[in-house]
Amino acid sequence: MCAYNRVNGVPSCADFNLLTKTARKQWRFRGYITSDCGAVGIIHDQQGFAKSAEDAVADVLRAGMFLPFASTHNVNRTVAN
């Protein structure tokens, strides 16, 4: 599970170097990488890293996350927009 924090301005859940290069390749982690509840929404809503909620989802999937875990509140808000 990735964290809510950022390292060098990059949210952990959207960090390709952390999730893919380090966890998957260097450490040979073969399990699922998931987010904590609401972490993907925070990338957009509070951290301002992604321009939209949809971009936040794309960012974490490109980084190597397998299962974004969103709260019902964030999913409903994204769908409504």
Protein backbone atom coordinates (compact mmCIF):
# COMPACT_ATOMS: atom_id res chain seq x y z
CA MET A 1 0.00 0.00 0.00
CA CYS A 2 1.40 3.36 -0.94
CA ALA A 3 1.26 6.29 1.45
CA TYR A 4 -0.41 9.72 1.50
CA ASN A 5 2.89 11.57 1.65
CA ARG A 6 5.04 13.10 -1.10
CA VAL A 7 8.78 12.72 -1.63
CA ASN A 8 10.49 15.46 -3.64
CA GLY A 9 7.04 16.77 -4.60
CA VAL A 10 5.78 13.46 -6.03
CA PRO A 11 2.93 11.67 -4.21
CA SER A 12 3.99 8.14 -3.22
CA CYS A 13 1.02 6.63 -5.05
CA ALA A 14 2.00 8.35 -8.32
CA ASP A 15 5.74 7.75 -8.03
CA PHE A 16 6.97 5.53 -10.89
CA ASN A 17 10.45 5.34 -9.36
CA LEU A 18 9.04 4.05 -6.06
CA LEU A 19 6.32 1.70 -7.28
CA THR A 20 7.85 0.30 -10.45
CA LYS A 21 11.60 0.79 -10.38
CA THR A 22 12.14 0.15 -6.67
CA ALA A 23 9.28 -2.10 -5.48
CA ARG A 24 8.76 -4.14 -8.65
CA LYS A 25 12.21 -4.27 -10.22
CA GLN A 26 14.79 -3.75 -7.46
CA TRP A 27 12.90 -5.53 -4.66
CA ARG A 28 11.13 -7.97 -7.05
CA PHE A 29 7.77 -7.39 -5.37
CA ARG A 30 5.12 -9.36 -7.28
CA GLY A 31 2.05 -8.65 -5.18
CA TYR A 32 -0.65 -6.01 -5.52
CA ILE A 33 0.12 -2.36 -4.91
CA THR A 34 -2.97 -0.53 -3.71
CA SER A 35 -3.74 2.91 -2.35
CA ASP A 36 -5.09 3.79 1.03
CA CYS A 37 -8.68 5.01 1.12
CA GLY A 38 -8.92 8.35 -0.63
CA ALA A 39 -5.18 8.61 -1.43
CA VAL A 40 -5.80 8.93 -5.18
CA GLY A 41 -8.29 11.74 -4.63
CA ILE A 42 -5.83 13.55 -2.36
CA ILE A 43 -3.34 13.68 -5.26
CA HIS A 44 -5.79 16.00 -7.00
CA ASP A 45 -7.94 17.57 -4.26
CA GLN A 46 -5.36 18.46 -1.62
CA GLN A 47 -1.89 18.06 -3.10
CA GLY A 48 -2.68 19.60 -6.48
CA PHE A 49 -0.34 17.17 -8.24
CA ALA A 50 -2.93 16.06 -10.82
CA LYS A 51 -5.03 18.54 -12.81
CA SER A 52 -8.20 16.45 -12.48
CA ALA A 53 -9.48 13.41 -10.63
CA GLU A 54 -9.21 11.43 -13.86
CA ASP A 55 -5.57 12.49 -14.24
CA ALA A 56 -4.89 11.32 -10.68
CA VAL A 57 -6.21 7.84 -11.54
CA ALA A 58 -4.12 7.76 -14.73
CA ASP A 59 -1.01 8.91 -12.81
CA VAL A 60 -1.24 6.14 -10.21
CA LEU A 61 -1.91 3.42 -12.77
CA ARG A 62 1.06 4.55 -14.90
CA ALA A 63 3.23 4.60 -11.77
CA GLY A 64 2.48 0.93 -11.10
CA MET A 65 -0.46 0.86 -8.72
CA PHE A 66 -2.72 -2.09 -9.34
CA LEU A 67 -5.79 -1.33 -7.23
CA PRO A 68 -6.76 2.29 -6.57
CA PHE A 69 -8.99 2.31 -3.49
CA ALA A 70 -11.38 5.25 -3.51
CA SER A 71 -13.93 6.23 -0.95
CA THR A 72 -17.54 6.30 -2.10
CA HIS A 73 -17.54 10.08 -1.64
CA ASN A 74 -14.63 10.56 -4.09
CA VAL A 75 -16.07 8.14 -6.66
CA ASN A 76 -19.49 9.79 -6.61
CA ARG A 77 -17.95 13.24 -6.95
CA THR A 78 -15.79 12.17 -9.90
CA VAL A 79 -18.72 10.50 -11.68
CA ALA A 80 -20.95 13.53 -11.09
CA ASN A 81 -18.42 15.81 -12.77
